[in-house]
Amino acid sequence: MNKYLKQLIELSEIDKSIDGFEPRIKTIQKALNISLEKESEIKNIIEVYADEIKEAKLKKSKNELHLAELAQKLKELSKKASIVKTAREVKALGLEEEIAKEQSDFANEEIERLDKVIESKNLYIEEEKEKLLEASKEVEEIRASIADELKDIEKEKEKVYKNKQNLVSKIDQKILTFYEKIKKWAGNTTVVPVRKQACYGCFMRLNDKVYSSVIKEEDIVTCPHCGRILYKEKQQETEA
């Protein structure tokens, strides 16, 4: 087999291994990510309740301020009532006092309602905090359980990257550039086998001349249809 072709086949296999690390890590971390999302959702719910409490307290404060203003107004109306002389003035003061009392009643009712809202939201927060503790505990348990698996993968990655570095240092720069150019669009199918006289990158049938060149393994042969680098599988020799 051509020396450079052998190197490119090996390099392709290494690149496939490298591409396979991320899906493996994602599979291992899937349960952790689900727990982290659950934890995040609970935190968001707590934040929403906290914002609602803050808003309710602000409204309550405004109503309390308005109530104090109405109380002062009623005092002033009471003083005026003792000095008015005409029936028209008495009636006007009475109407004004009635409106102020209605507004006071409404403000008191609103304050009472807001107190209930604040109380209920605080209870909800306490419930969610309990859920958060459980979720955080679950996250830590899962994180601990997958730590060894992730460490093993990291060690494996280091070994594979080291092998790639050693191999790349031996490959002719022009051949490597040629490989990388195809890899930009072909990904981990840059180097593919030929089976039943067909390219297993694009699955198009090869003509006899190209197929013969692939079998000889004297040169680097590319698929005339897709441009991928071709090689003959050892399995084909066994079958022959």
C-alpha atoms as a PDB file:
ATOM      1  CA  MET A   1       0.000   0.000   0.000  1.00  0.00           C
ATOM      2  CA  ASN A   2       1.121   3.529  -0.780  1.00  0.00           C
ATOM      3  CA  LYS A   3       2.843   5.014   2.296  1.00  0.00           C
ATOM      4  CA  TYR A   4       0.862   8.248   2.200  1.00  0.00           C
ATOM      5  CA  LEU A   5      -2.445   6.452   1.660  1.00  0.00           C
ATOM      6  CA  LYS A   6      -1.776   4.298   4.703  1.00  0.00           C
ATOM      7  CA  GLN A   7      -1.055   7.433   6.758  1.00  0.00           C
ATOM      8  CA  LEU A   8      -4.239   9.142   5.545  1.00  0.00           C
ATOM      9  CA  ILE A   9      -6.367   6.095   6.397  1.00  0.00           C
ATOM     10  CA  GLU A  10      -4.879   6.101   9.883  1.00  0.00           C
ATOM     11  CA  LEU A  11      -5.370   9.862  10.210  1.00  0.00           C
ATOM     12  CA  SER A  12      -8.989   9.517   9.094  1.00  0.00           C
ATOM     13  CA  GLU A  13      -9.641   6.861  11.747  1.00  0.00           C
ATOM     14  CA  ILE A  14      -8.107   9.107  14.402  1.00  0.00           C
ATOM     15  CA  ASP A  15     -10.294  12.030  13.276  1.00  0.00           C
ATOM     16  CA  LYS A  16     -13.361   9.790  13.474  1.00  0.00           C
ATOM     17  CA  SER A  17     -12.427   8.907  17.059  1.00  0.00           C
ATOM     18  CA  ILE A  18     -12.014  12.596  17.877  1.00  0.00           C
ATOM     19  CA  ASP A  19     -15.425  13.411  16.355  1.00  0.00           C
ATOM     20  CA  GLY A  20     -16.940  10.635  18.460  1.00  0.00           C
ATOM     21  CA  PHE A  21     -15.854  12.095  21.790  1.00  0.00           C
ATOM     22  CA  GLU A  22     -18.413  14.915  21.866  1.00  0.00           C
ATOM     23  CA  PRO A  23     -21.492  12.660  21.356  1.00  0.00           C
ATOM     24  CA  ARG A  24     -20.174  10.318  24.065  1.00  0.00           C
ATOM     25  CA  ILE A  25     -19.728  13.208  26.490  1.00  0.00           C
ATOM     26  CA  LYS A  26     -23.200  14.555  25.656  1.00  0.00           C
ATOM     27  CA  THR A  27     -24.749  11.128  26.283  1.00  0.00           C
ATOM     28  CA  ILE A  28     -23.032  10.867  29.669  1.00  0.00           C
ATOM     29  CA  GLN A  29     -23.999  14.435  30.602  1.00  0.00           C
ATOM     30  CA  LYS A  30     -27.616  14.107  29.442  1.00  0.00           C
ATOM     31  CA  ALA A  31     -28.988  13.196  32.892  1.00  0.00           C
ATOM     32  CA  LEU A  32     -26.908  15.974  34.462  1.00  0.00           C
ATOM     33  CA  ASN A  33     -28.201  18.533  31.967  1.00  0.00           C
ATOM     34  CA  ILE A  34     -31.798  17.500  32.672  1.00  0.00           C
ATOM     35  CA  SER A  35     -31.217  17.972  36.419  1.00  0.00           C
ATOM     36  CA  LEU A  36     -29.484  21.302  35.838  1.00  0.00           C
ATOM     37  CA  GLU A  37     -32.441  22.490  33.745  1.00  0.00           C
ATOM     38  CA  LYS A  38     -34.820  21.400  36.505  1.00  0.00           C
ATOM     39  CA  GLU A  39     -32.725  23.291  39.070  1.00  0.00           C
ATOM     40  CA  SER A  40     -32.663  26.366  36.817  1.00  0.00           C
ATOM     41  CA  GLU A  41     -36.447  26.254  36.309  1.00  0.00           C
ATOM     42  CA  ILE A  42     -37.027  26.192  40.078  1.00  0.00           C
ATOM     43  CA  LYS A  43     -34.680  29.155  40.532  1.00  0.00           C
ATOM     44  CA  ASN A  44     -36.592  31.055  37.851  1.00  0.00           C
ATOM     45  CA  ILE A  45     -39.910  30.306  39.584  1.00  0.00           C
ATOM     46  CA  ILE A  46     -38.495  31.604  42.876  1.00  0.00           C
ATOM     47  CA  GLU A  47     -37.317  34.765  41.118  1.00  0.00           C
ATOM     48  CA  VAL A  48     -40.783  35.282  39.614  1.00  0.00           C
ATOM     49  CA  TYR A  49     -42.433  34.923  43.021  1.00  0.00           C
ATOM     50  CA  ALA A  50     -39.843  37.281  44.547  1.00  0.00           C
ATOM     51  CA  ASP A  51     -40.593  39.874  41.860  1.00  0.00           C
ATOM     52  CA  GLU A  52     -44.329  39.501  42.480  1.00  0.00           C
ATOM     53  CA  ILE A  53     -43.771  40.023  46.229  1.00  0.00           C
ATOM     54  CA  LYS A  54     -41.665  43.084  45.504  1.00  0.00           C
ATOM     55  CA  GLU A  55     -44.386  44.491  43.260  1.00  0.00           C
ATOM     56  CA  ALA A  56     -47.093  43.733  45.847  1.00  0.00           C
ATOM     57  CA  LYS A  57     -45.082  45.450  48.598  1.00  0.00           C
ATOM     58  CA  LEU A  58     -44.631  48.507  46.392  1.00  0.00           C
ATOM     59  CA  LYS A  59     -48.391  48.679  45.741  1.00  0.00           C
ATOM     60  CA  LYS A  60     -49.068  48.203  49.447  1.00  0.00           C
ATOM     61  CA  SER A  61     -46.686  51.032  50.292  1.00  0.00           C
ATOM     62  CA  LYS A  62     -48.472  53.331  47.834  1.00  0.00           C
ATOM     63  CA  ASN A  63     -51.856  52.434  49.308  1.00  0.00           C
ATOM     64  CA  GLU A  64     -50.584  53.016  52.853  1.00  0.00           C
ATOM     65  CA  LEU A  65     -49.281  56.435  51.803  1.00  0.00           C
ATOM     66  CA  HIS A  66     -52.601  57.233  50.141  1.00  0.00           C
ATOM     67  CA  LEU A  67     -54.430  56.039  53.277  1.00  0.00           C
ATOM     68  CA  ALA A  68     -52.360  58.376  55.443  1.00  0.00           C
ATOM     69  CA  GLU A  69     -53.191  61.268  53.103  1.00  0.00           C
ATOM     70  CA  LEU A  70     -56.903  60.414  53.293  1.00  0.00           C
ATOM     71  CA  ALA A  71     -56.759  60.260  57.105  1.00  0.00           C
ATOM     72  CA  GLN A  72     -55.213  63.714  57.156  1.00  0.00           C
ATOM     73  CA  LYS A  73     -57.847  64.939  54.733  1.00  0.00           C
ATOM     74  CA  LEU A  74     -60.672  63.592  56.911  1.00  0.00           C
ATOM     75  CA  LYS A  75     -59.196  65.420  59.906  1.00  0.00           C
ATOM     76  CA  GLU A  76     -59.150  68.655  57.948  1.00  0.00           C
ATOM     77  CA  LEU A  77     -62.744  68.097  56.762  1.00  0.00           C
ATOM     78  CA  SER A  78     -63.795  67.470  60.372  1.00  0.00           C
ATOM     79  CA  LYS A  79     -62.291  70.798  61.407  1.00  0.00           C
ATOM     80  CA  LYS A  80     -63.978  72.599  58.501  1.00  0.00           C
ATOM     81  CA  ALA A  81     -67.323  71.049  59.434  1.00  0.00           C
ATOM     82  CA  SER A  82     -67.332  72.994  62.708  1.00  0.00           C
ATOM     83  CA  ILE A  83     -66.949  76.359  61.000  1.00  0.00           C
ATOM     84  CA  VAL A  84     -69.148  76.071  57.891  1.00  0.00           C
ATOM     85  CA  LYS A  85     -72.295  78.163  57.924  1.00  0.00           C
ATOM     86  CA  THR A  86     -74.418  77.406  54.891  1.00  0.00           C
ATOM     87  CA  ALA A  87     -76.282  74.210  54.019  1.00  0.00           C
ATOM     88  CA  ARG A  88     -74.521  74.169  50.656  1.00  0.00           C
ATOM     89  CA  GLU A  89     -71.102  74.128  52.357  1.00  0.00           C
ATOM     90  CA  VAL A  90     -72.228  71.362  54.741  1.00  0.00           C
ATOM     91  CA  LYS A  91     -73.444  69.264  51.814  1.00  0.00           C
ATOM     92  CA  ALA A  92     -70.188  69.782  49.861  1.00  0.00           C
ATOM     93  CA  LEU A  93     -68.088  68.820  52.887  1.00  0.00           C
ATOM     94  CA  GLY A  94     -70.278  65.787  53.507  1.00  0.00           C
ATOM     95  CA  LEU A  95     -69.852  64.615  49.917  1.00  0.00           C
ATOM     96  CA  GLU A  96     -66.116  65.148  50.065  1.00  0.00           C
ATOM     97  CA  GLU A  97     -65.924  63.256  53.359  1.00  0.00           C
ATOM     98  CA  GLU A  98     -67.966  60.374  51.921  1.00  0.00           C
ATOM     99  CA  ILE A  99     -65.637  60.076  48.935  1.00  0.00           C
ATOM    100  CA  ALA A 100     -62.571  60.152  51.204  1.00  0.00           C
ATOM    101  CA  LYS A 101     -64.051  57.376  53.386  1.00  0.00           C
ATOM    102  CA  GLU A 102     -64.842  55.238  50.332  1.00  0.00           C
ATOM    103  CA  GLN A 103     -61.294  55.696  49.115  1.00  0.00           C
ATOM    104  CA  SER A 104     -60.004  54.774  52.575  1.00  0.00           C
ATOM    105  CA  ASP A 105     -62.123  51.619  52.607  1.00  0.00           C
ATOM    106  CA  PHE A 106     -60.834  50.678  49.165  1.00  0.00           C
ATOM    107  CA  ALA A 107     -57.213  51.335  50.224  1.00  0.00           C
ATOM    108  CA  ASN A 108     -57.653  49.169  53.336  1.00  0.00           C
ATOM    109  CA  GLU A 109     -59.187  46.366  51.275  1.00  0.00           C
ATOM    110  CA  GLU A 110     -56.366  46.605  48.763  1.00  0.00           C
ATOM    111  CA  ILE A 111     -53.748  46.484  51.540  1.00  0.00           C
ATOM    112  CA  GLU A 112     -55.471  43.423  52.999  1.00  0.00           C
ATOM    113  CA  ARG A 113     -55.533  41.746  49.586  1.00  0.00           C
ATOM    114  CA  LEU A 114     -51.864  42.551  48.975  1.00  0.00           C
ATOM    115  CA  ASP A 115     -50.922  41.137  52.392  1.00  0.00           C
ATOM    116  CA  LYS A 116     -52.582  37.861  51.390  1.00  0.00           C
ATOM    117  CA  VAL A 117     -50.733  37.889  48.064  1.00  0.00           C
ATOM    118  CA  ILE A 118     -47.412  38.462  49.819  1.00  0.00           C
ATOM    119  CA  GLU A 119     -48.149  35.723  52.344  1.00  0.00           C
ATOM    120  CA  SER A 120     -49.149  33.185  49.675  1.00  0.00           C
ATOM    121  CA  LYS A 121     -46.135  33.997  47.476  1.00  0.00           C
ATOM    122  CA  ASN A 122     -43.809  33.574  50.470  1.00  0.00           C
ATOM    123  CA  LEU A 123     -45.336  30.139  51.085  1.00  0.00           C
ATOM    124  CA  TYR A 124     -44.801  29.247  47.432  1.00  0.00           C
ATOM    125  CA  ILE A 125     -41.175  30.368  47.696  1.00  0.00           C
ATOM    126  CA  GLU A 126     -40.615  28.144  50.732  1.00  0.00           C
ATOM    127  CA  GLU A 127     -42.086  25.183  48.833  1.00  0.00           C
ATOM    128  CA  GLU A 128     -39.883  25.901  45.816  1.00  0.00           C
ATOM    129  CA  LYS A 129     -36.805  26.263  48.039  1.00  0.00           C
ATOM    130  CA  GLU A 130     -37.416  22.748  49.347  1.00  0.00           C
ATOM    131  CA  LYS A 131     -37.655  21.511  45.762  1.00  0.00           C
ATOM    132  CA  LEU A 132     -34.476  23.432  44.950  1.00  0.00           C
ATOM    133  CA  LEU A 133     -32.577  21.698  47.744  1.00  0.00           C
ATOM    134  CA  GLU A 134     -33.661  18.314  46.387  1.00  0.00           C
ATOM    135  CA  ALA A 135     -32.782  19.307  42.810  1.00  0.00           C
ATOM    136  CA  SER A 136     -29.351  20.637  43.845  1.00  0.00           C
ATOM    137  CA  LYS A 137     -28.682  17.427  45.750  1.00  0.00           C
ATOM    138  CA  GLU A 138     -29.627  15.410  42.675  1.00  0.00           C
ATOM    139  CA  VAL A 139     -27.289  17.512  40.508  1.00  0.00           C
ATOM    140  CA  GLU A 140     -24.353  16.867  42.828  1.00  0.00           C
ATOM    141  CA  GLU A 141     -25.090  13.137  42.980  1.00  0.00           C
ATOM    142  CA  ILE A 142     -25.201  12.846  39.184  1.00  0.00           C
ATOM    143  CA  ARG A 143     -22.112  15.025  38.793  1.00  0.00           C
ATOM    144  CA  ALA A 144     -20.208  12.768  41.179  1.00  0.00           C
ATOM    145  CA  SER A 145     -21.427   9.605  39.446  1.00  0.00           C
ATOM    146  CA  ILE A 146     -20.231  10.688  35.971  1.00  0.00           C
ATOM    147  CA  ALA A 147     -16.971  12.288  37.091  1.00  0.00           C
ATOM    148  CA  ASP A 148     -14.925   9.099  36.632  1.00  0.00           C
ATOM    149  CA  GLU A 149     -16.413   8.427  33.197  1.00  0.00           C
ATOM    150  CA  LEU A 150     -15.567  11.944  32.030  1.00  0.00           C
ATOM    151  CA  LYS A 151     -12.019  11.626  33.416  1.00  0.00           C
ATOM    152  CA  ASP A 152     -11.531   8.388  31.469  1.00  0.00           C
ATOM    153  CA  ILE A 153     -12.740  10.078  28.285  1.00  0.00           C
ATOM    154  CA  GLU A 154     -10.377  13.003  28.860  1.00  0.00           C
ATOM    155  CA  LYS A 155      -7.466  10.591  29.247  1.00  0.00           C
ATOM    156  CA  GLU A 156      -8.534   8.801  26.087  1.00  0.00           C
ATOM    157  CA  LYS A 157      -8.789  12.141  24.254  1.00  0.00           C
ATOM    158  CA  GLU A 158      -5.290  13.120  25.336  1.00  0.00           C
ATOM    159  CA  LYS A 159      -3.945   9.819  24.040  1.00  0.00           C
ATOM    160  CA  VAL A 160      -5.761  10.128  20.696  1.00  0.00           C
ATOM    161  CA  TYR A 161      -4.666  13.757  20.199  1.00  0.00           C
ATOM    162  CA  LYS A 162      -1.091  12.750  21.005  1.00  0.00           C
ATOM    163  CA  ASN A 163      -1.266   9.952  18.421  1.00  0.00           C
ATOM    164  CA  LYS A 164      -2.629  12.411  15.862  1.00  0.00           C
ATOM    165  CA  GLN A 165       0.133  14.892  16.609  1.00  0.00           C
ATOM    166  CA  ASN A 166       2.779  12.205  16.159  1.00  0.00           C
ATOM    167  CA  LEU A 167       1.205  11.020  12.906  1.00  0.00           C
ATOM    168  CA  VAL A 168       0.750  14.516  11.479  1.00  0.00           C
ATOM    169  CA  SER A 169       4.426  15.270  12.121  1.00  0.00           C
ATOM    170  CA  LYS A 170       5.350  12.346   9.835  1.00  0.00           C
ATOM    171  CA  ILE A 171       2.980  13.174   6.960  1.00  0.00           C
ATOM    172  CA  ASP A 172       4.201  15.180   3.995  1.00  0.00           C
ATOM    173  CA  GLN A 173       2.839  18.728   4.263  1.00  0.00           C
ATOM    174  CA  LYS A 174       1.373  18.714   0.742  1.00  0.00           C
ATOM    175  CA  ILE A 175      -0.456  15.437   1.412  1.00  0.00           C
ATOM    176  CA  LEU A 176      -1.737  16.793   4.727  1.00  0.00           C
ATOM    177  CA  THR A 177      -2.958  20.015   3.091  1.00  0.00           C
ATOM    178  CA  PHE A 178      -4.709  17.932   0.423  1.00  0.00           C
ATOM    179  CA  TYR A 179      -6.417  15.863   3.154  1.00  0.00           C
ATOM    180  CA  GLU A 180      -7.460  18.932   5.184  1.00  0.00           C
ATOM    181  CA  LYS A 181      -8.930  20.586   2.076  1.00  0.00           C
ATOM    182  CA  ILE A 182     -11.252  17.623   1.497  1.00  0.00           C
ATOM    183  CA  LYS A 183     -12.006  17.332   5.228  1.00  0.00           C
ATOM    184  CA  LYS A 184     -13.425  20.869   5.285  1.00  0.00           C
ATOM    185  CA  TRP A 185     -16.528  19.677   3.451  1.00  0.00           C
ATOM    186  CA  ALA A 186     -16.388  15.879   3.872  1.00  0.00           C
ATOM    187  CA  GLY A 187     -15.801  15.825   7.635  1.00  0.00           C
ATOM    188  CA  ASN A 188     -14.999  12.360   8.949  1.00  0.00           C
ATOM    189  CA  THR A 189     -15.797  10.811   5.546  1.00  0.00           C
ATOM    190  CA  THR A 190     -12.685  12.269   3.923  1.00  0.00           C
ATOM    191  CA  VAL A 191     -11.194   8.792   3.449  1.00  0.00           C
ATOM    192  CA  VAL A 192     -13.710   6.069   2.603  1.00  0.00           C
ATOM    193  CA  PRO A 193     -13.567   2.406   1.554  1.00  0.00           C
ATOM    194  CA  VAL A 194     -14.582   0.990  -1.792  1.00  0.00           C
ATOM    195  CA  ARG A 195     -17.151  -1.793  -1.569  1.00  0.00           C
ATOM    196  CA  LYS A 196     -18.665  -3.672  -4.487  1.00  0.00           C
ATOM    197  CA  GLN A 197     -16.846  -1.238  -6.816  1.00  0.00           C
ATOM    198  CA  ALA A 198     -18.650   1.737  -5.253  1.00  0.00           C
ATOM    199  CA  CYS A 199     -17.412   4.745  -3.262  1.00  0.00           C
ATOM    200  CA  TYR A 200     -18.793   4.531   0.252  1.00  0.00           C
ATOM    201  CA  GLY A 201     -18.840   8.294   0.563  1.00  0.00           C
ATOM    202  CA  CYS A 202     -21.254   9.103  -2.252  1.00  0.00           C
ATOM    203  CA  PHE A 203     -22.233   5.464  -3.080  1.00  0.00           C
ATOM    204  CA  MET A 204     -21.616   6.024  -6.793  1.00  0.00           C
ATOM    205  CA  ARG A 205     -20.174   3.169  -8.858  1.00  0.00           C
ATOM    206  CA  LEU A 206     -16.547   3.550  -9.966  1.00  0.00           C
ATOM    207  CA  ASN A 207     -15.411   2.846 -13.503  1.00  0.00           C
ATOM    208  CA  ASP A 208     -13.013  -0.041 -14.061  1.00  0.00           C
ATOM    209  CA  LYS A 209      -9.961   2.203 -14.462  1.00  0.00           C
ATOM    210  CA  VAL A 210     -10.466   4.006 -11.125  1.00  0.00           C
ATOM    211  CA  TYR A 211     -11.381   0.775  -9.385  1.00  0.00           C
ATOM    212  CA  SER A 212      -8.229  -0.870 -10.686  1.00  0.00           C
ATOM    213  CA  SER A 213      -6.123   2.005  -9.338  1.00  0.00           C
ATOM    214  CA  VAL A 214      -7.776   1.660  -5.937  1.00  0.00           C
ATOM    215  CA  ILE A 215      -7.052  -2.073  -5.826  1.00  0.00           C
ATOM    216  CA  LYS A 216      -3.375  -1.585  -6.757  1.00  0.00           C
ATOM    217  CA  GLU A 217      -2.946   0.880  -3.837  1.00  0.00           C
ATOM    218  CA  GLU A 218       0.072   2.429  -5.518  1.00  0.00           C
ATOM    219  CA  ASP A 219      -1.263   5.994  -5.512  1.00  0.00           C
ATOM    220  CA  ILE A 220      -3.741   8.146  -3.645  1.00  0.00           C
ATOM    221  CA  VAL A 221      -6.958   7.846  -5.646  1.00  0.00           C
ATOM    222  CA  THR A 222      -9.960  10.114  -5.269  1.00  0.00           C
ATOM    223  CA  CYS A 223     -13.545   9.417  -6.230  1.00  0.00           C
ATOM    224  CA  PRO A 224     -14.330  10.985  -9.636  1.00  0.00           C
ATOM    225  CA  HIS A 225     -17.856  11.740  -8.386  1.00  0.00           C
ATOM    226  CA  CYS A 226     -17.355  13.288  -4.935  1.00  0.00           C
ATOM    227  CA  GLY A 227     -13.603  13.808  -4.562  1.00  0.00           C
ATOM    228  CA  ARG A 228     -13.120  11.702  -1.409  1.00  0.00           C
ATOM    229  CA  ILE A 229      -9.965   9.653  -0.944  1.00  0.00           C
ATOM    230  CA  LEU A 230     -10.548   5.966  -1.659  1.00  0.00           C
ATOM    231  CA  TYR A 231      -8.980   2.774  -0.335  1.00  0.00           C
ATOM    232  CA  LYS A 232      -9.629  -0.951  -0.614  1.00  0.00           C
ATOM    233  CA  GLU A 233     -10.850  -2.643   2.550  1.00  0.00           C
ATOM    234  CA  LYS A 234      -8.862  -5.602   3.816  1.00  0.00           C
ATOM    235  CA  GLN A 235     -12.151  -7.466   4.084  1.00  0.00           C
ATOM    236  CA  GLN A 236     -12.354  -7.449   0.274  1.00  0.00           C
ATOM    237  CA  GLU A 237      -9.064  -9.327   0.058  1.00  0.00           C
ATOM    238  CA  THR A 238     -10.422 -11.979   2.444  1.00  0.00           C
ATOM    239  CA  GLU A 239     -13.613 -12.327   0.410  1.00  0.00           C
ATOM    240  CA  ALA A 240     -11.607 -12.578  -2.823  1.00  0.00           C
END
